[in-house]
Every structure is written in C-alpha cells, then in structure tokens.
C-alpha atoms as a PDB file:
ATOM      1  CA  MET A   1     298.600  45.119 203.052  1.00  0.00           C
ATOM      2  CA  LYS A   2     295.469  46.664 205.244  1.00  0.00           C
ATOM      3  CA  SER A   3     296.417  50.231 203.875  1.00  0.00           C
ATOM      4  CA  LEU A   4     296.654  48.660 200.115  1.00  0.00           C
ATOM      5  CA  LYS A   5     293.290  46.800 200.683  1.00  0.00           C
ATOM      6  CA  TYR A   6     291.573  49.920 201.504  1.00  0.00           C
ATOM      7  CA  VAL A   7     293.161  51.700 198.482  1.00  0.00           C
ATOM      8  CA  LEU A   8     292.050  49.156 195.891  1.00  0.00           C
ATOM      9  CA  LEU A   9     288.535  49.020 197.392  1.00  0.00           C
ATOM     10  CA  THR A  10     288.476  53.019 197.098  1.00  0.00           C
ATOM     11  CA  LEU A  11     289.567  53.039 193.573  1.00  0.00           C
ATOM     12  CA  LEU A  12     287.267  50.063 192.735  1.00  0.00           C
ATOM     13  CA  ALA A  13     284.366  52.471 194.683  1.00  0.00           C
ATOM     14  CA  VAL A  14     285.113  55.301 192.170  1.00  0.00           C
ATOM     15  CA  GLY A  15     285.649  53.389 189.354  1.00  0.00           C
ATOM     16  CA  LEU A  16     281.903  52.130 189.789  1.00  0.00           C
ATOM     17  CA  PHE A  17     280.650  55.345 190.243  1.00  0.00           C
ATOM     18  CA  PHE A  18     281.940  56.793 187.161  1.00  0.00           C
ATOM     19  CA  ALA A  19     280.840  53.700 185.528  1.00  0.00           C
ATOM     20  CA  CYS A  20     277.247  54.562 186.506  1.00  0.00           C
ATOM     21  CA  ASP A  21     277.402  58.026 185.863  1.00  0.00           C
ATOM     22  CA  ARG A  22     278.534  57.233 182.547  1.00  0.00           C
ATOM     23  CA  GLU A  23     275.557  54.424 182.187  1.00  0.00           C
ATOM     24  CA  PHE A  24     272.918  56.745 183.146  1.00  0.00           C
ATOM     25  CA  SER A  25     274.474  59.708 180.772  1.00  0.00           C
ATOM     26  CA  ASP A  26     274.656  56.861 177.807  1.00  0.00           C
ATOM     27  CA  LEU A  27     270.860  56.735 178.142  1.00  0.00           C
ATOM     28  CA  GLU A  28     270.301  60.402 177.567  1.00  0.00           C
ATOM     29  CA  GLY A  29     272.725  60.685 175.070  1.00  0.00           C
ATOM     30  CA  ASP A  30     271.615  57.266 173.341  1.00  0.00           C
ATOM     31  CA  GLU A  31     268.239  58.660 173.105  1.00  0.00           C
ATOM     32  CA  MET A  32     269.359  61.944 171.588  1.00  0.00           C
ATOM     33  CA  ALA A  33     271.438  60.173 169.118  1.00  0.00           C
ATOM     34  CA  LYS A  34     268.338  57.862 168.041  1.00  0.00           C
ATOM     35  CA  LEU A  35     266.110  60.961 168.043  1.00  0.00           C
ATOM     36  CA  ASN A  36     268.866  62.865 165.844  1.00  0.00           C
ATOM     37  CA  ALA A  37     268.625  60.094 163.461  1.00  0.00           C
ATOM     38  CA  TRP A  38     265.214  59.776 163.365  1.00  0.00           C
ATOM     39  CA  VAL A  39     264.845  63.486 162.567  1.00  0.00           C
ATOM     40  CA  GLN A  40     267.353  63.373 159.640  1.00  0.00           C
ATOM     41  CA  VAL A  41     265.901  60.289 157.934  1.00  0.00           C
ATOM     42  CA  ASN A  42     262.519  61.845 158.055  1.00  0.00           C
ATOM     43  CA  ASN A  43     263.623  65.033 156.722  1.00  0.00           C
ATOM     44  CA  ILE A  44     262.352  67.009 159.526  1.00  0.00           C
ATOM     45  CA  PRO A  45     262.827  70.652 159.167  1.00  0.00           C
ATOM     46  CA  ALA A  46     265.241  72.318 161.203  1.00  0.00           C
ATOM     47  CA  GLU A  47     262.709  75.261 162.026  1.00  0.00           C
ATOM     48  CA  ALA A  48     260.247  72.601 163.542  1.00  0.00           C
ATOM     49  CA  LEU A  49     262.948  72.553 166.456  1.00  0.00           C
ATOM     50  CA  LYS A  50     261.594  74.785 169.378  1.00  0.00           C
ATOM     51  CA  PRO A  51     264.097  75.581 171.945  1.00  0.00           C
ATOM     52  CA  SER A  52     262.374  73.671 174.760  1.00  0.00           C
ATOM     53  CA  GLY A  53     263.802  70.506 172.357  1.00  0.00           C
ATOM     54  CA  LEU A  54     260.303  69.997 170.951  1.00  0.00           C
ATOM     55  CA  TYR A  55     259.806  69.529 167.404  1.00  0.00           C
ATOM     56  CA  TYR A  56     256.220  71.074 166.162  1.00  0.00           C
ATOM     57  CA  ILE A  57     255.140  70.273 162.410  1.00  0.00           C
ATOM     58  CA  SER A  58     251.887  71.902 161.399  1.00  0.00           C
ATOM     59  CA  ILE A  59     250.160  69.247 159.018  1.00  0.00           C
ATOM     60  CA  GLN A  60     246.819  71.549 158.983  1.00  0.00           C
ATOM     61  CA  GLU A  61     246.637  74.965 160.168  1.00  0.00           C
ATOM     62  CA  GLY A  62     243.261  76.156 162.251  1.00  0.00           C
ATOM     63  CA  ALA A  63     241.649  78.994 162.668  1.00  0.00           C
ATOM     64  CA  ASP A  64     239.835  80.998 165.467  1.00  0.00           C
ATOM     65  CA  LEU A  65     241.139  80.263 169.003  1.00  0.00           C
ATOM     66  CA  SER A  66     244.321  79.445 170.134  1.00  0.00           C
ATOM     67  CA  PRO A  67     244.306  77.860 173.702  1.00  0.00           C
ATOM     68  CA  GLU A  68     245.751  80.131 176.730  1.00  0.00           C
ATOM     69  CA  SER A  69     246.544  78.997 180.222  1.00  0.00           C
ATOM     70  CA  GLY A  70     243.276  78.644 181.996  1.00  0.00           C
ATOM     71  CA  ASP A  71     240.986  77.585 178.747  1.00  0.00           C
ATOM     72  CA  TYR A  72     239.587  74.156 178.327  1.00  0.00           C
ATOM     73  CA  VAL A  73     240.530  72.366 175.266  1.00  0.00           C
ATOM     74  CA  ILE A  74     239.009  69.423 173.583  1.00  0.00           C
ATOM     75  CA  TYR A  75     241.773  67.392 171.390  1.00  0.00           C
ATOM     76  CA  SER A  76     242.305  64.165 169.723  1.00  0.00           C
ATOM     77  CA  TYR A  77     245.836  62.267 169.634  1.00  0.00           C
ATOM     78  CA  LYS A  78     247.831  59.391 168.941  1.00  0.00           C
ATOM     79  CA  GLU A  79     250.839  58.681 170.865  1.00  0.00           C
ATOM     80  CA  LYS A  80     253.463  56.556 168.968  1.00  0.00           C
ATOM     81  CA  LYS A  81     256.944  55.564 169.290  1.00  0.00           C
ATOM     82  CA  LEU A  82     259.707  56.739 166.975  1.00  0.00           C
ATOM     83  CA  ASP A  83     259.059  53.223 165.079  1.00  0.00           C
ATOM     84  CA  GLY A  84     255.313  54.078 164.362  1.00  0.00           C
ATOM     85  CA  VAL A  85     253.708  51.702 166.914  1.00  0.00           C
ATOM     86  CA  ILE A  86     250.800  53.581 168.544  1.00  0.00           C
ATOM     87  CA  VAL A  87     250.703  53.149 171.960  1.00  0.00           C
ATOM     88  CA  ASP A  88     247.907  55.036 173.085  1.00  0.00           C
ATOM     89  CA  SER A  89     245.050  56.985 171.706  1.00  0.00           C
ATOM     90  CA  ASP A  90     241.514  58.391 172.783  1.00  0.00           C
ATOM     91  CA  SER A  91     240.273  56.207 169.397  1.00  0.00           C
ATOM     92  CA  SER A  92     238.604  52.949 170.298  1.00  0.00           C
ATOM     93  CA  TYR A  93     239.440  51.493 167.115  1.00  0.00           C
ATOM     94  CA  ILE A  94     242.877  52.070 167.128  1.00  0.00           C
ATOM     95  CA  ALA A  95     243.016  50.898 170.629  1.00  0.00           C
ATOM     96  CA  LYS A  96     241.294  47.478 169.657  1.00  0.00           C
ATOM     97  CA  LEU A  97     243.915  47.740 166.443  1.00  0.00           C
ATOM     98  CA  TYR A  98     246.966  47.983 168.375  1.00  0.00           C
ATOM     99  CA  ASP A  99     245.902  45.619 171.511  1.00  0.00           C
ATOM    100  CA  LEU A 100     245.183  48.828 173.822  1.00  0.00           C
ATOM    101  CA  PHE A 101     241.543  48.464 174.125  1.00  0.00           C
ATOM    102  CA  GLU A 102     240.670  48.796 177.983  1.00  0.00           C
ATOM    103  CA  ILE A 103     237.190  47.560 178.105  1.00  0.00           C
ATOM    104  CA  ASN A 104     236.207  49.821 181.054  1.00  0.00           C
ATOM    105  CA  TYR A 105     237.455  53.081 179.571  1.00  0.00           C
ATOM    106  CA  HIS A 106     235.361  56.009 177.913  1.00  0.00           C
ATOM    107  CA  TYR A 107     237.148  56.267 174.515  1.00  0.00           C
ATOM    108  CA  THR A 108     236.413  59.985 173.349  1.00  0.00           C
ATOM    109  CA  PRO A 109     238.300  63.174 172.688  1.00  0.00           C
ATOM    110  CA  VAL A 110     239.875  64.513 175.795  1.00  0.00           C
ATOM    111  CA  PHE A 111     238.084  67.563 177.250  1.00  0.00           C
ATOM    112  CA  THR A 112     240.259  68.914 179.933  1.00  0.00           C
ATOM    113  CA  LYS A 113     241.653  72.231 181.643  1.00  0.00           C
ATOM    114  CA  PHE A 114     244.927  73.817 179.726  1.00  0.00           C
ATOM    115  CA  ASP A 115     247.413  74.064 182.565  1.00  0.00           C
ATOM    116  CA  ASN A 116     250.539  72.920 182.321  1.00  0.00           C
ATOM    117  CA  SER A 117     250.392  72.109 186.110  1.00  0.00           C
ATOM    118  CA  ASN A 118     247.495  69.426 184.939  1.00  0.00           C
ATOM    119  CA  MET A 119     249.829  66.559 184.673  1.00  0.00           C
ATOM    120  CA  VAL A 120     247.054  63.714 185.117  1.00  0.00           C
ATOM    121  CA  VAL A 121     243.840  64.621 183.135  1.00  0.00           C
ATOM    122  CA  GLU A 122     241.280  64.014 185.891  1.00  0.00           C
ATOM    123  CA  GLY A 123     238.341  61.788 184.283  1.00  0.00           C
ATOM    124  CA  TYR A 124     240.777  60.104 181.550  1.00  0.00           C
ATOM    125  CA  ASN A 125     243.513  58.547 183.253  1.00  0.00           C
ATOM    126  CA  ARG A 126     245.960  59.779 180.743  1.00  0.00           C
ATOM    127  CA  TYR A 127     248.717  62.537 180.986  1.00  0.00           C
ATOM    128  CA  MET A 128     249.176  66.039 179.889  1.00  0.00           C
ATOM    129  CA  LEU A 129     252.653  65.869 179.105  1.00  0.00           C
ATOM    130  CA  GLU A 130     254.789  68.958 179.079  1.00  0.00           C
ATOM    131  CA  GLY A 131     255.840  68.724 175.098  1.00  0.00           C
ATOM    132  CA  LEU A 132     251.834  68.041 174.387  1.00  0.00           C
ATOM    133  CA  TYR A 133     250.906  71.095 176.354  1.00  0.00           C
ATOM    134  CA  GLU A 134     253.426  73.199 174.472  1.00  0.00           C
ATOM    135  CA  GLY A 135     252.346  71.605 171.130  1.00  0.00           C
ATOM    136  CA  LEU A 136     248.890  72.574 171.758  1.00  0.00           C
ATOM    137  CA  SER A 137     249.733  76.206 172.781  1.00  0.00           C
ATOM    138  CA  TYR A 138     250.725  76.539 169.480  1.00  0.00           C
ATOM    139  CA  MET A 139     247.889  75.438 167.635  1.00  0.00           C
ATOM    140  CA  LYS A 140     244.240  76.775 166.591  1.00  0.00           C
ATOM    141  CA  GLU A 141     240.807  75.269 166.549  1.00  0.00           C
ATOM    142  CA  GLY A 142     240.512  72.803 163.671  1.00  0.00           C
ATOM    143  CA  GLY A 143     244.295  72.577 163.643  1.00  0.00           C
ATOM    144  CA  LYS A 144     246.687  69.062 163.637  1.00  0.00           C
ATOM    145  CA  ALA A 145     250.229  68.686 164.261  1.00  0.00           C
ATOM    146  CA  THR A 146     252.638  66.412 164.882  1.00  0.00           C
ATOM    147  CA  LEU A 147     255.108  66.528 167.948  1.00  0.00           C
ATOM    148  CA  ILE A 148     258.274  65.022 168.086  1.00  0.00           C
ATOM    149  CA  ILE A 149     258.665  64.747 172.082  1.00  0.00           C
ATOM    150  CA  PRO A 150     262.137  64.031 173.622  1.00  0.00           C
ATOM    151  CA  SER A 151     261.559  62.267 176.966  1.00  0.00           C
ATOM    152  CA  SER A 152     262.683  65.532 179.174  1.00  0.00           C
ATOM    153  CA  LEU A 153     259.196  66.785 178.158  1.00  0.00           C
ATOM    154  CA  ALA A 154     257.462  63.273 177.984  1.00  0.00           C
ATOM    155  CA  TYR A 155     257.776  60.399 180.812  1.00  0.00           C
ATOM    156  CA  GLY A 156     261.692  60.993 181.532  1.00  0.00           C
ATOM    157  CA  SER A 157     263.580  58.152 183.943  1.00  0.00           C
ATOM    158  CA  SER A 158     260.199  56.871 184.685  1.00  0.00           C
ATOM    159  CA  GLY A 159     258.690  55.936 181.312  1.00  0.00           C
ATOM    160  CA  ARG A 160     254.710  54.604 181.625  1.00  0.00           C
ATOM    161  CA  ILE A 161     253.612  50.909 181.722  1.00  0.00           C
ATOM    162  CA  ILE A 162     250.597  50.623 179.201  1.00  0.00           C
ATOM    163  CA  ASN A 163     249.746  47.460 179.945  1.00  0.00           C
ATOM    164  CA  GLN A 164     251.236  43.754 180.150  1.00  0.00           C
ATOM    165  CA  ASN A 165     252.513  44.024 176.625  1.00  0.00           C
ATOM    166  CA  THR A 166     253.068  47.462 175.649  1.00  0.00           C
ATOM    167  CA  LYS A 167     255.265  50.209 177.410  1.00  0.00           C
ATOM    168  CA  ILE A 168     257.363  53.077 176.901  1.00  0.00           C
ATOM    169  CA  ASN A 169     261.245  52.769 178.224  1.00  0.00           C
ATOM    170  CA  SER A 170     262.944  55.384 180.223  1.00  0.00           C
ATOM    171  CA  PHE A 171     264.217  58.096 178.268  1.00  0.00           C
ATOM    172  CA  GLU A 172     262.286  57.417 175.313  1.00  0.00           C
ATOM    173  CA  SER A 173     261.145  59.978 172.720  1.00  0.00           C
ATOM    174  CA  LEU A 174     257.472  59.720 171.293  1.00  0.00           C
ATOM    175  CA  ILE A 175     255.503  61.061 168.495  1.00  0.00           C
ATOM    176  CA  TYR A 176     252.193  62.531 168.720  1.00  0.00           C
ATOM    177  CA  GLU A 177     249.577  63.308 166.698  1.00  0.00           C
ATOM    178  CA  VAL A 178     247.315  65.937 167.759  1.00  0.00           C
ATOM    179  CA  GLU A 179     243.866  67.180 166.688  1.00  0.00           C
ATOM    180  CA  LEU A 180     242.356  70.499 168.664  1.00  0.00           C
ATOM    181  CA  HIS A 181     238.798  70.308 168.046  1.00  0.00           C
ATOM    182  CA  LYS A 182     238.176  73.564 170.597  1.00  0.00           C
ATOM    183  CA  VAL A 183     239.135  76.054 172.684  1.00  0.00           C
ATOM    184  CA  VAL A 184     236.155  76.468 175.457  1.00  0.00           C
ATOM    185  CA  LYS A 185     236.783  80.114 177.448  1.00  0.00           C
ATOM    186  CA  ASN A 186     233.580  79.310 179.297  1.00  0.00           C
ATOM    187  CA  PRO A 187     233.295  75.679 180.259  1.00  0.00           C
ATOM    188  CA  ARG A 188     229.932  76.043 182.434  1.00  0.00           C
ATOM    189  CA  ASN A 189     228.253  77.597 179.143  1.00  0.00           C
ATOM    190  CA  TYR A 190     230.024  75.178 177.157  1.00  0.00           C
ATOM    191  CA  GLU A 191     228.055  72.485 178.833  1.00  0.00           C
ATOM    192  CA  LYS A 192     224.925  74.040 178.821  1.00  0.00           C
ATOM    193  CA  SER A 193     224.798  74.036 175.238  1.00  0.00           C
ATOM    194  CA  ILE A 194     225.638  70.248 174.715  1.00  0.00           C
ATOM    195  CA  LEU A 195     223.439  69.278 177.399  1.00  0.00           C
ATOM    196  CA  GLN A 196     220.506  71.306 175.983  1.00  0.00           C
ATOM    197  CA  ALA A 197     221.217  70.007 172.492  1.00  0.00           C
ATOM    198  CA  TYR A 198     220.909  66.088 173.985  1.00  0.00           C
ATOM    199  CA  ILE A 199     217.547  67.409 175.261  1.00  0.00           C
ATOM    200  CA  ASP A 200     216.238  69.124 172.115  1.00  0.00           C
ATOM    201  CA  ALA A 201     217.506  65.594 170.392  1.00  0.00           C
ATOM    202  CA  ASN A 202     215.703  63.396 172.731  1.00  0.00           C
ATOM    203  CA  TYR A 203     213.219  64.910 175.120  1.00  0.00           C
ATOM    204  CA  SER A 204     212.156  67.912 173.490  1.00  0.00           C
ATOM    205  CA  GLY A 205     209.972  70.294 175.535  1.00  0.00           C
ATOM    206  CA  LEU A 206     211.438  68.904 178.716  1.00  0.00           C
ATOM    207  CA  GLU A 207     211.858  71.495 181.119  1.00  0.00           C
ATOM    208  CA  GLN A 208     214.230  71.227 184.661  1.00  0.00           C
ATOM    209  CA  ILE A 209     212.891  70.902 187.726  1.00  0.00           C
ATOM    210  CA  ASN A 210     213.821  73.344 190.079  1.00  0.00           C
ATOM    211  CA  ASP A 211     216.514  74.932 187.784  1.00  0.00           C
ATOM    212  CA  SER A 212     218.586  71.658 188.613  1.00  0.00           C
ATOM    213  CA  ILE A 213     217.625  67.950 186.827  1.00  0.00           C
ATOM    214  CA  TYR A 214     215.790  66.815 184.146  1.00  0.00           C
ATOM    215  CA  TYR A 215     213.578  63.922 185.049  1.00  0.00           C
ATOM    216  CA  VAL A 216     211.812  61.232 182.605  1.00  0.00           C
ATOM    217  CA  GLN A 217     209.804  58.606 183.843  1.00  0.00           C
ATOM    218  CA  LEU A 218     210.549  55.474 182.058  1.00  0.00           C
ATOM    219  CA  ALA A 219     208.166  52.836 184.186  1.00  0.00           C
ATOM    220  CA  PRO A 220     205.431  53.652 186.445  1.00  0.00           C
ATOM    221  CA  PRO A 221     205.292  53.006 190.089  1.00  0.00           C
ATOM    222  CA  THR A 222     203.881  50.162 191.439  1.00  0.00           C
ATOM    223  CA  ALA A 223     202.803  51.570 194.608  1.00  0.00           C
ATOM    224  CA  ASP A 224     201.497  55.228 194.606  1.00  0.00           C
ATOM    225  CA  THR A 225     201.698  56.292 198.237  1.00  0.00           C
ATOM    226  CA  VAL A 226     205.787  55.478 199.047  1.00  0.00           C
ATOM    227  CA  THR A 227     207.644  58.559 198.310  1.00  0.00           C
ATOM    228  CA  VAL A 228     210.509  59.912 200.090  1.00  0.00           C
ATOM    229  CA  GLY A 229     211.850  63.016 201.626  1.00  0.00           C
ATOM    230  CA  LYS A 230     215.016  64.206 203.168  1.00  0.00           C
ATOM    231  CA  ASP A 231     217.059  61.729 205.207  1.00  0.00           C
ATOM    232  CA  SER A 232     214.426  59.160 204.073  1.00  0.00           C
ATOM    233  CA  VAL A 233     216.498  55.716 203.555  1.00  0.00           C
ATOM    234  CA  VAL A 234     215.780  53.856 200.170  1.00  0.00           C
ATOM    235  CA  TYR A 235     217.352  50.816 198.387  1.00  0.00           C
ATOM    236  CA  VAL A 236     217.963  51.467 194.475  1.00  0.00           C
ATOM    237  CA  TYR A 237     219.121  50.106 190.997  1.00  0.00           C
ATOM    238  CA  TYR A 238     221.107  52.301 188.715  1.00  0.00           C
ATOM    239  CA  LYS A 239     223.092  52.733 185.540  1.00  0.00           C
ATOM    240  CA  GLY A 240     225.117  55.945 185.411  1.00  0.00           C
ATOM    241  CA  MET A 241     225.657  56.856 181.743  1.00  0.00           C
ATOM    242  CA  PHE A 242     227.520  59.612 179.766  1.00  0.00           C
ATOM    243  CA  LEU A 243     225.452  61.525 177.139  1.00  0.00           C
ATOM    244  CA  ASP A 244     226.885  59.138 174.562  1.00  0.00           C
ATOM    245  CA  GLY A 245     225.392  56.269 176.478  1.00  0.00           C
ATOM    246  CA  PHE A 246     228.683  54.800 177.762  1.00  0.00           C
ATOM    247  CA  VAL A 247     228.114  53.177 181.093  1.00  0.00           C
ATOM    248  CA  PHE A 248     230.206  54.364 183.692  1.00  0.00           C
ATOM    249  CA  ASP A 249     228.870  52.320 186.868  1.00  0.00           C
ATOM    250  CA  THR A 250     225.897  50.269 187.620  1.00  0.00           C
ATOM    251  CA  ASN A 251     224.269  47.341 189.794  1.00  0.00           C
ATOM    252  CA  ILE A 252     222.378  45.929 187.628  1.00  0.00           C
ATOM    253  CA  ASP A 253     223.925  42.209 186.856  1.00  0.00           C
ATOM    254  CA  SER A 254     222.108  42.029 183.595  1.00  0.00           C
ATOM    255  CA  VAL A 255     223.488  45.673 182.515  1.00  0.00           C
ATOM    256  CA  ALA A 256     227.091  44.366 183.458  1.00  0.00           C
ATOM    257  CA  THR A 257     226.701  40.801 181.750  1.00  0.00           C
ATOM    258  CA  LYS A 258     225.153  42.875 178.205  1.00  0.00           C
ATOM    259  CA  LEU A 259     228.448  44.829 178.588  1.00  0.00           C
ATOM    260  CA  GLY A 260     230.676  42.071 179.405  1.00  0.00           C
ATOM    261  CA  ARG A 261     232.478  44.116 182.333  1.00  0.00           C
ATOM    262  CA  THR A 262     232.331  44.340 185.873  1.00  0.00           C
ATOM    263  CA  PHE A 263     231.873  47.014 188.300  1.00  0.00           C
ATOM    264  CA  SER A 264     232.142  47.825 191.843  1.00  0.00           C
ATOM    265  CA  SER A 265     228.528  47.551 192.769  1.00  0.00           C
ATOM    266  CA  GLU A 266     226.696  44.251 192.905  1.00  0.00           C
ATOM    267  CA  ASP A 267     224.041  44.820 195.006  1.00  0.00           C
ATOM    268  CA  SER A 268     221.096  47.286 195.620  1.00  0.00           C
ATOM    269  CA  LEU A 269     222.711  50.668 196.942  1.00  0.00           C
ATOM    270  CA  LYS A 270     221.188  51.962 200.279  1.00  0.00           C
ATOM    271  CA  VAL A 271     220.953  56.078 200.127  1.00  0.00           C
ATOM    272  CA  THR A 272     220.184  58.223 202.337  1.00  0.00           C
ATOM    273  CA  ILE A 273     218.635  61.115 200.913  1.00  0.00           C
ATOM    274  CA  GLY A 274     220.610  63.983 200.616  1.00  0.00           C
ATOM    275  CA  GLN A 275     223.578  62.332 202.123  1.00  0.00           C
ATOM    276  CA  GLY A 276     226.503  60.074 200.123  1.00  0.00           C
ATOM    277  CA  VAL A 277     225.307  60.280 196.432  1.00  0.00           C
ATOM    278  CA  VAL A 278     225.778  63.465 194.237  1.00  0.00           C
ATOM    279  CA  ALA A 279     222.852  66.048 194.691  1.00  0.00           C
ATOM    280  CA  GLY A 280     220.937  65.347 191.402  1.00  0.00           C
ATOM    281  CA  PHE A 281     220.541  61.831 192.393  1.00  0.00           C
ATOM    282  CA  SER A 282     218.727  62.322 195.736  1.00  0.00           C
ATOM    283  CA  GLN A 283     216.715  65.003 193.893  1.00  0.00           C
ATOM    284  CA  ALA A 284     215.399  62.380 191.237  1.00  0.00           C
ATOM    285  CA  LEU A 285     214.717  60.016 194.253  1.00  0.00           C
ATOM    286  CA  THR A 286     212.153  62.801 195.418  1.00  0.00           C
ATOM    287  CA  GLN A 287     210.181  62.516 192.084  1.00  0.00           C
ATOM    288  CA  MET A 288     210.014  58.986 192.417  1.00  0.00           C
ATOM    289  CA  LYS A 289     207.752  56.097 193.989  1.00  0.00           C
ATOM    290  CA  LYS A 290     208.380  52.622 194.927  1.00  0.00           C
ATOM    291  CA  GLY A 291     208.755  50.354 191.874  1.00  0.00           C
ATOM    292  CA  GLU A 292     209.217  53.315 189.761  1.00  0.00           C
ATOM    293  CA  TRP A 293     211.725  53.552 186.981  1.00  0.00           C
ATOM    294  CA  GLY A 294     212.937  56.874 186.021  1.00  0.00           C
ATOM    295  CA  ARG A 295     215.754  58.452 183.994  1.00  0.00           C
ATOM    296  CA  ALA A 296     217.624  61.777 185.837  1.00  0.00           C
ATOM    297  CA  ILE A 297     219.548  63.751 183.601  1.00  0.00           C
ATOM    298  CA  LEU A 298     221.999  65.736 185.553  1.00  0.00           C
ATOM    299  CA  PRO A 299     223.731  68.885 184.773  1.00  0.00           C
ATOM    300  CA  SER A 300     227.663  68.975 186.376  1.00  0.00           C
ATOM    301  CA  TYR A 301     226.500  70.881 188.933  1.00  0.00           C
ATOM    302  CA  CYS A 302     224.083  68.812 190.193  1.00  0.00           C
ATOM    303  CA  GLY A 303     226.960  65.798 189.877  1.00  0.00           C
ATOM    304  CA  TYR A 304     230.611  66.179 190.167  1.00  0.00           C
ATOM    305  CA  ASP A 305     230.907  69.900 189.214  1.00  0.00           C
ATOM    306  CA  SER A 306     234.222  71.851 187.741  1.00  0.00           C
ATOM    307  CA  THR A 307     236.452  68.810 189.702  1.00  0.00           C
ATOM    308  CA  GLY A 308     235.036  65.639 188.387  1.00  0.00           C
ATOM    309  CA  ASN A 309     236.759  62.377 190.102  1.00  0.00           C
ATOM    310  CA  SER A 310     239.175  59.676 188.154  1.00  0.00           C
ATOM    311  CA  SER A 311     236.611  58.293 186.021  1.00  0.00           C
ATOM    312  CA  ILE A 312     234.365  61.734 184.946  1.00  0.00           C
ATOM    313  CA  PRO A 313     235.690  64.891 183.461  1.00  0.00           C
ATOM    314  CA  PRO A 314     234.855  67.858 185.170  1.00  0.00           C
ATOM    315  CA  PHE A 315     231.878  69.967 183.757  1.00  0.00           C
ATOM    316  CA  THR A 316     230.045  66.714 182.666  1.00  0.00           C
ATOM    317  CA  PRO A 317     226.734  66.197 182.529  1.00  0.00           C
ATOM    318  CA  LEU A 318     225.404  62.310 183.580  1.00  0.00           C
ATOM    319  CA  ILE A 319     222.693  60.099 183.083  1.00  0.00           C
ATOM    320  CA  PHE A 320     221.256  57.783 185.819  1.00  0.00           C
ATOM    321  CA  ASP A 321     218.657  55.017 184.971  1.00  0.00           C
ATOM    322  CA  ILE A 322     217.116  54.550 188.320  1.00  0.00           C
ATOM    323  CA  TYR A 323     214.921  51.951 189.761  1.00  0.00           C
ATOM    324  CA  PHE A 324     213.313  52.630 193.055  1.00  0.00           C
ATOM    325  CA  SER A 325     213.516  49.131 194.852  1.00  0.00           C
ATOM    326  CA  SER A 326     211.929  49.889 198.392  1.00  0.00           C
ATOM    327  CA  LYS A 327     212.186  52.240 200.990  1.00  0.00           C
ATOM    328  CA  VAL A 328     212.959  52.201 204.956  1.00  0.00           C
ATOM    329  CA  VAL A 329     211.375  54.945 207.353  1.00  0.00           C
ATOM    330  CA  GLN A 330     214.225  56.439 209.565  1.00  0.00           C
ATOM    331  CA  LYS A 331     212.859  56.723 213.083  1.00  0.00           C
ATOM    332  CA  LYS A 332     213.944  59.625 214.904  1.00  0.00           C
ATOM    333  CA  PRO A 333     216.095  59.388 218.179  1.00  0.00           C
ATOM    334  CA  SER A 334     214.099  59.542 221.377  1.00  0.00           C
ATOM    335  CA  GLU A 335     214.880  62.732 223.690  1.00  0.00           C
END
C-alpha cells in the first residue's frame, strides 16, 4: 500500500507539472490567437509582418534621416491595447482624457538615445520596447507609423502597471502610434541650437558668463556687500524648470501650492558653493548678493550633462530661479 501511495503521488505531481506547463503555453497561445484574429478583422496586409513578429504599417512616409544606433531621436507616441484603449502617451491632453494623467510628469515628445539596450528612457520613466525600437528604425523624420507589437517584443510575461485602474497584462499585445519628429546626430549641437533660440526669444543679446551659464537679475539684492565664494555656505530658495516652463523641483511653498503639487524639498536649501549641487547652480550664486532674486539658465554641461537623471533627460538645458536668502561664513579649522 505504501509503494502504491508513492506511485499515485508521483503521477499527481507529473500531472500538475504538465498542467502548469500547458497553462503557461496557453497564455502565449491565447495571445497569438487574439492577435491573429485582430490582424484578420482589421485587414492588416501580410507584408506588414516582419521576421521578428512585429507588424509595421506606415501611415505617413517621412523624409531625410532614418535613425541609426547611437543617434538620438525625438518621437511622440500613443500606446494602446488591441481593443483601442489608450494606456500611455506623451500628450497631457490624451493622458487626462483617459484618466492617466500624472501631475508630476513632464508631458513632451521623448528625446532619447536610439539604443536597443536603453530599455528605461532616462528622464521619462518610460520604456524603449524592442518593438518600438525596431519600428523607429524603419522610419524617417516626419514619418508616422502604426506598430502592432506582440508581448515578446513588449512587456512579455511581466506586463506593466500603469496606475491603480490600468495595467498591461502579461502576454498582451500592444499597438503603438508613433511619429518620428527628428533624428539628432549631434545632441550637444542640437541642445545649443534650442538654448540659443530660447535666449534670442526671451533675452536677446544676453551673453554667457565665462562660457557657461546665462544669468538674469530678477530683483535687486538687499545687501550690496554679502557675496559668496568657493566653500561659502548659503541658504537659498529655488524653482527648477525646463525651457518650456515645466517645474521639476522647488522648495518654495507658494509655487508648489499654485501648481497643486508636492516636492521633496520643503525648507531653504543649504548649499556649499562648489559642492552638492550642479555646477551651474553654484556659478549663479557667485553672481548674487544677499536678498537677490536671479534666473540662471544652464546648458546641460553645467547641469546633468549627457547622463540626465530619473526626471531630467540627457543634454537638457535647465532654468533655476534662485533667491539668495542668507550666508554662513565657513571658519577654517585651526592648525
């Protein structure tokens, strides 16, 4: 009887193994069945299918450059399920329409390095999916395309949670509507051109300080003698913005309240000149005196340069409105 019990348990285990294996396979099989049915119902031409499994449909042919690995690209997108429900977009209007709006997110066309390994797009908390990367490679500047992307080229077995009400399931195919605005061969020169256009439009004739930042006094100082130098400690209030005016950080309560947002900084920022903040921020403070409001306009090499961070893309010029609140004199240690 004991040996029979072991045989039965073994058969049960084997049965569960194959049942689980069949269940896993059915998820992929179900996806392919749904995708093939969708393709047939929507009369997608057979020539749209690429060897990878991606369907590429050109909506508007572009001209000029097509992206190559290592270039930078600027593109807009809508990410949809097969039923047409939009789950993500670079448009704030669409995000609000579909209850996807994130108040702290900067809705703007994506600017990123065209690199297949760049799965998380720096500065946007969005993804360069394999299918999106392949689709963009077929496009030229000004082109528009629809991409039908199986999960093997998208979020695979993991899926993606968009918010508490919206998610992309595991093994779920997606549709991308993509517009390729520009291919950027030299991101430093591209940044220089958009920064110069901003200066020409808003502060014509303004010159850089020591080939670095631009500085504009917004309100005069209250004390003409209190200035700072290297290693000085100062307390400041600030508002950090992109060139389009979107605020990515501030420690000014009235600004946060007006925007209806909360930020990590809530009090005056203690800054040691030359330490702890981006170079352009320190450089601006050396131009200021106590009680002064100033606007520092930073090329990316005085900010987050070619790397960016989680909320700031690479090669992105920044604006900081700064109020020089007070200064603490650093005493040199006795020898």
